[in-house]
Every structure is written in C-alpha cells, then in structure tokens.
Amino acid sequence: MNLLGAYQKLKKLEPTFLTGDASAVLGISTNYAAIILGRLANQNAIVHLARGRWAYTSSVDPLLLPNILTYPMMSYISLYSALYYHGIIDQIPSTIFAVSNGKTKIFQTPLGKISIHSINSHLFTGYESHGKNLLLMATPEKALFDTFYLIPAKSNLFKRVTELDIPANFNFSIFSTWLKNVKNKSRRTIIEKRLEEIKQTL
C-alpha cells in the first residue's frame, strides 16, 4: 500500500487512533495496518504512543494523552501538572501527571513522559472539562488533595510540595467531602495535617 495514500486516509482519524481504527479505514488486516503504521512512524509522519495507539504530532495536545493511554479506564490531569495549570506552583513539570481509576503506570512517549497514578474510585471526582477538546483537568482544590493523598506512595514523588501560591477563592471546605472517602486513617491524617500547615501560612 502507498504510504502517502494511507497517511491521507488516516487523517480523518486524527488526532489519535487505534490500530483497529486504521485497519477499518484502510480496509486491510490489523497486522498489515500495524506494519503500515510502523513505517509511517519511522518517517515521523505519526508517532507510536503505546501498544496499538498512535497520534498525529501536529494536532494532539499532550495533556490529552493520559485519558487516551488509560482507555477504557478514565484519567484526568492532576497533581503537579494541574497545580501548575492553575498557577499554584511556578515550576513547569517535565512530566505530565494524571490520576486514574485504573492502574498506576508510566508511559514514555515521543510526545513526553506520562505518569499515571491510581486513586480510589470513590475519589475519582473533582475535575472539569476545558477547551474544545474537553480536556479533563482537576480543580485547584482536587489537584492539591490528590497530591496530598499520594504522599505515602512508594515513588516519594509527592512528599515535598512547597511554595504554594493558594488563590484567595480556594475552597478548603470541600476537602471534608473527599476526606470522608479516605478509609486509611494514617493517610487521612497526613492530608489533614498538610491542610492545616497551609492554612497557617495564609
């Protein structure tokens, strides 16, 4: 199959698509579609995100990748990425952080490193859709809550959260709703302690 012709037909699937989607559009087997997609990726026409997942670099927002990579489970941008998005921290994260109702996993993609962190399904809330692509982003409050929730994680990524610029309209009262769903007493205590420390600095 002509690569240029395949590329043009696949454009209707952008910004991201599955190997199965390409197979249907091109009218070829899944195995042959994977070969064609691999050749297109070798020519930098598209990028291989993960097993069976592909993207057009010119049209995909990297912040959309977590929800694409965790499908059929869901995820939303949170933690350091959302804290930066909302102006609560100044340092730009080199990794895109998200929480999911699926498994904790790290994806190394040509478009950046994606760090997915599992959270209790009862706490999979506190996010909003942004922009025309309906990007799922944690609210400022939920981004901070998620960060504190993951302090005990083995990765130790979230133990040093300092220099926070908390906005004047930050809603501390909503934390009590989420804390009710934190069944682990020590984890709940950590979150409550960090919240009190922040309040004392305001």
Protein backbone atom coordinates (compact mmCIF):
# COMPACT_ATOMS: atom_id res chain seq x y z
CA MET A 1 0.00 0.00 0.00
CA ASN A 2 1.23 3.50 -0.86
CA LEU A 3 2.28 5.25 2.37
CA LEU A 4 1.18 8.69 1.21
CA GLY A 5 -2.27 7.38 0.34
CA ALA A 6 -2.51 5.61 3.69
CA TYR A 7 -1.42 8.76 5.51
CA GLN A 8 -4.07 10.85 3.78
CA LYS A 9 -6.84 8.35 4.55
CA LEU A 10 -5.78 8.15 8.19
CA LYS A 11 -6.03 11.93 8.61
CA LYS A 12 -9.76 11.55 9.24
CA LEU A 13 -8.83 9.74 12.48
CA GLU A 14 -6.63 12.47 13.94
CA PRO A 15 -5.51 13.44 16.48
CA THR A 16 -5.20 9.89 17.91
CA PHE A 17 -6.39 6.47 16.86
CA LEU A 18 -6.03 2.73 17.43
CA THR A 19 -4.53 0.16 15.10
CA GLY A 20 -8.02 -1.30 14.72
CA ASP A 21 -9.32 2.09 13.58
CA ALA A 22 -6.60 2.28 10.93
CA SER A 23 -7.39 -1.25 9.80
CA ALA A 24 -11.04 -0.32 9.22
CA VAL A 25 -10.27 2.93 7.38
CA LEU A 26 -7.63 1.36 5.14
CA GLY A 27 -9.61 -1.83 4.53
CA ILE A 28 -6.73 -4.11 5.49
CA SER A 29 -5.98 -6.60 8.25
CA THR A 30 -4.93 -5.40 11.69
CA ASN A 31 -1.49 -6.99 11.28
CA TYR A 32 -0.89 -5.26 7.95
CA ALA A 33 -2.20 -1.98 9.38
CA ALA A 34 0.37 -2.25 12.18
CA ILE A 35 3.12 -2.63 9.57
CA ILE A 36 1.92 0.43 7.63
CA LEU A 37 1.66 2.48 10.82
CA GLY A 38 5.15 1.42 11.86
CA ARG A 39 6.53 2.62 8.52
CA LEU A 40 4.73 5.95 8.87
CA ALA A 41 6.14 6.31 12.38
CA ASN A 42 9.65 5.59 11.08
CA GLN A 43 9.20 8.53 8.70
CA ASN A 44 7.96 10.73 11.59
CA ALA A 45 4.58 11.13 9.91
CA ILE A 46 2.86 9.82 13.05
CA VAL A 47 4.05 8.70 16.49
CA HIS A 48 3.58 5.45 18.35
CA LEU A 49 2.23 6.29 21.82
CA ALA A 50 1.78 2.81 23.26
CA ARG A 51 0.71 -0.63 22.13
CA GLY A 52 -1.97 -0.17 19.48
CA ARG A 53 -2.17 3.62 19.97
CA TRP A 54 -0.95 6.25 17.51
CA ALA A 55 -1.12 10.02 17.07
CA TYR A 56 -0.54 12.90 14.69
CA THR A 57 2.00 15.14 16.43
CA SER A 58 0.75 18.30 14.76
CA SER A 59 -2.78 18.03 16.13
CA VAL A 60 -2.64 16.30 19.51
CA ASP A 61 -2.42 18.20 22.80
CA PRO A 62 -0.01 16.26 25.08
CA LEU A 63 -2.34 16.96 28.01
CA LEU A 64 -4.94 14.76 26.31
CA LEU A 65 -2.61 11.76 26.29
CA PRO A 66 -3.35 10.39 29.80
CA ASN A 67 -7.02 9.81 29.01
CA ILE A 68 -6.08 8.27 25.68
CA LEU A 69 -3.44 5.97 27.14
CA THR A 70 -5.56 4.72 30.04
CA TYR A 71 -8.63 3.95 27.90
CA PRO A 72 -11.01 2.17 28.57
CA MET A 73 -10.32 3.37 32.12
CA MET A 74 -10.51 7.13 32.71
CA SER A 75 -8.00 9.69 33.89
CA TYR A 76 -7.74 13.42 34.40
CA ILE A 77 -4.82 15.84 34.66
CA SER A 78 -3.93 16.44 38.29
CA LEU A 79 -1.05 16.64 40.78
CA TYR A 80 1.88 18.85 39.72
CA SER A 81 0.54 19.34 36.18
CA ALA A 82 -2.81 20.68 37.40
CA LEU A 83 -1.19 22.70 40.19
CA TYR A 84 0.95 24.43 37.56
CA TYR A 85 -2.03 24.86 35.22
CA HIS A 86 -3.91 26.68 38.00
CA GLY A 87 -0.90 28.81 38.97
CA ILE A 88 -0.43 27.22 42.40
CA ILE A 89 3.17 26.22 41.67
CA ASP A 90 5.66 28.06 39.47
CA GLN A 91 7.86 25.25 38.23
CA ILE A 92 6.81 23.66 34.95
CA PRO A 93 6.63 19.86 35.41
CA SER A 94 8.76 17.97 32.89
CA THR A 95 6.31 15.07 33.23
CA ILE A 96 2.56 15.12 32.63
CA PHE A 97 0.85 13.89 35.79
CA ALA A 98 -2.64 12.42 35.95
CA VAL A 99 -4.75 10.27 38.24
CA SER A 100 -6.83 7.36 37.04
CA ASN A 101 -9.37 4.83 38.21
CA GLY A 102 -7.10 2.30 36.52
CA LYS A 103 -3.56 1.18 37.34
CA THR A 104 -0.51 3.26 38.21
CA LYS A 105 1.76 3.32 35.18
CA ILE A 106 4.40 5.41 33.43
CA PHE A 107 4.33 5.89 29.66
CA GLN A 108 7.40 7.09 27.77
CA THR A 109 6.10 8.54 24.51
CA PRO A 110 7.65 10.65 21.74
CA LEU A 111 5.43 13.48 22.99
CA GLY A 112 6.62 13.29 26.59
CA LYS A 113 6.61 11.25 29.77
CA ILE A 114 3.16 10.49 31.19
CA SER A 115 2.88 9.49 34.85
CA ILE A 116 -0.46 7.90 35.77
CA HIS A 117 -1.35 7.38 39.43
CA SER A 118 -4.20 5.21 40.66
CA ILE A 119 -6.75 6.67 43.04
CA ASN A 120 -9.71 5.16 44.89
CA SER A 121 -12.78 5.11 42.64
CA HIS A 122 -14.77 6.96 45.33
CA LEU A 123 -12.29 9.83 44.96
CA PHE A 124 -12.41 9.94 41.16
CA THR A 125 -14.12 13.31 41.13
CA GLY A 126 -13.28 17.00 41.36
CA TYR A 127 -12.36 17.57 37.72
CA GLU A 128 -13.78 19.73 34.93
CA SER A 129 -13.61 19.75 31.13
CA HIS A 130 -11.63 22.55 29.49
CA GLY A 131 -11.38 23.79 25.92
CA LYS A 132 -12.75 22.46 22.65
CA ASN A 133 -11.11 19.08 23.20
CA LEU A 134 -12.83 18.71 26.59
CA LEU A 135 -9.56 18.23 28.44
CA LEU A 136 -10.27 16.72 31.87
CA MET A 137 -8.47 18.83 34.49
CA ALA A 138 -8.61 18.65 38.28
CA THR A 139 -9.92 21.73 40.05
CA PRO A 140 -7.29 23.61 42.09
CA GLU A 141 -8.64 22.02 45.27
CA LYS A 142 -8.70 18.48 43.89
CA ALA A 143 -5.21 18.81 42.42
CA LEU A 144 -3.87 19.66 45.87
CA PHE A 145 -5.95 16.95 47.54
CA ASP A 146 -4.69 14.32 45.08
CA THR A 147 -1.11 15.41 45.73
CA PHE A 148 -1.51 15.06 49.49
CA TYR A 149 -3.38 11.77 49.04
CA LEU A 150 -0.38 10.31 47.21
CA ILE A 151 2.26 11.44 49.71
CA PRO A 152 2.55 7.87 51.10
CA ALA A 153 3.12 6.42 47.61
CA LYS A 154 6.29 4.35 47.15
CA SER A 155 7.55 6.69 44.44
CA ASN A 156 8.09 9.50 47.00
CA LEU A 157 7.20 11.95 44.22
CA PHE A 158 4.76 13.97 46.27
CA LYS A 159 6.40 14.34 49.68
CA ARG A 160 7.97 17.73 49.02
CA VAL A 161 5.20 20.08 47.98
CA THR A 162 6.37 23.56 48.94
CA GLU A 163 5.96 27.20 47.92
CA LEU A 164 2.30 27.00 47.07
CA ASP A 165 0.51 30.11 45.82
CA ILE A 166 -3.01 29.46 47.11
CA PRO A 167 -5.63 31.69 45.41
CA ALA A 168 -7.96 33.81 47.53
CA ASN A 169 -11.04 31.90 46.33
CA PHE A 170 -9.59 28.49 47.21
CA ASN A 171 -12.36 26.35 48.74
CA PHE A 172 -10.90 24.50 51.72
CA SER A 173 -14.33 23.33 52.90
CA ILE A 174 -14.71 20.89 50.01
CA PHE A 175 -11.83 18.80 51.37
CA SER A 176 -14.09 17.43 54.11
CA THR A 177 -16.27 15.77 51.47
CA TRP A 178 -13.31 13.94 49.95
CA LEU A 179 -11.74 13.09 53.30
CA LYS A 180 -14.83 11.06 54.19
CA ASN A 181 -13.90 8.66 51.41
CA VAL A 182 -10.32 8.17 52.62
CA LYS A 183 -10.65 4.96 54.62
CA ASN A 184 -6.98 4.69 55.60
CA LYS A 185 -6.64 6.60 58.88
CA SER A 186 -2.92 7.39 58.54
CA ARG A 187 -3.41 8.70 55.01
CA ARG A 188 -6.34 10.83 56.13
CA THR A 189 -4.23 12.23 58.97
CA ILE A 190 -1.45 13.18 56.55
CA ILE A 191 -3.88 15.11 54.36
CA GLU A 192 -5.43 16.90 57.33
CA LYS A 193 -2.01 17.83 58.71
CA ARG A 194 -0.82 19.26 55.40
CA LEU A 195 -4.02 21.26 55.03
CA GLU A 196 -3.58 22.80 58.47
CA GLU A 197 0.03 23.70 57.66
CA ILE A 198 -1.12 25.55 54.54
CA LYS A 199 -3.91 27.38 56.34
CA GLN A 200 -1.44 28.64 58.93
CA THR A 201 0.66 30.28 56.21
CA LEU A 202 -2.24 32.24 54.71
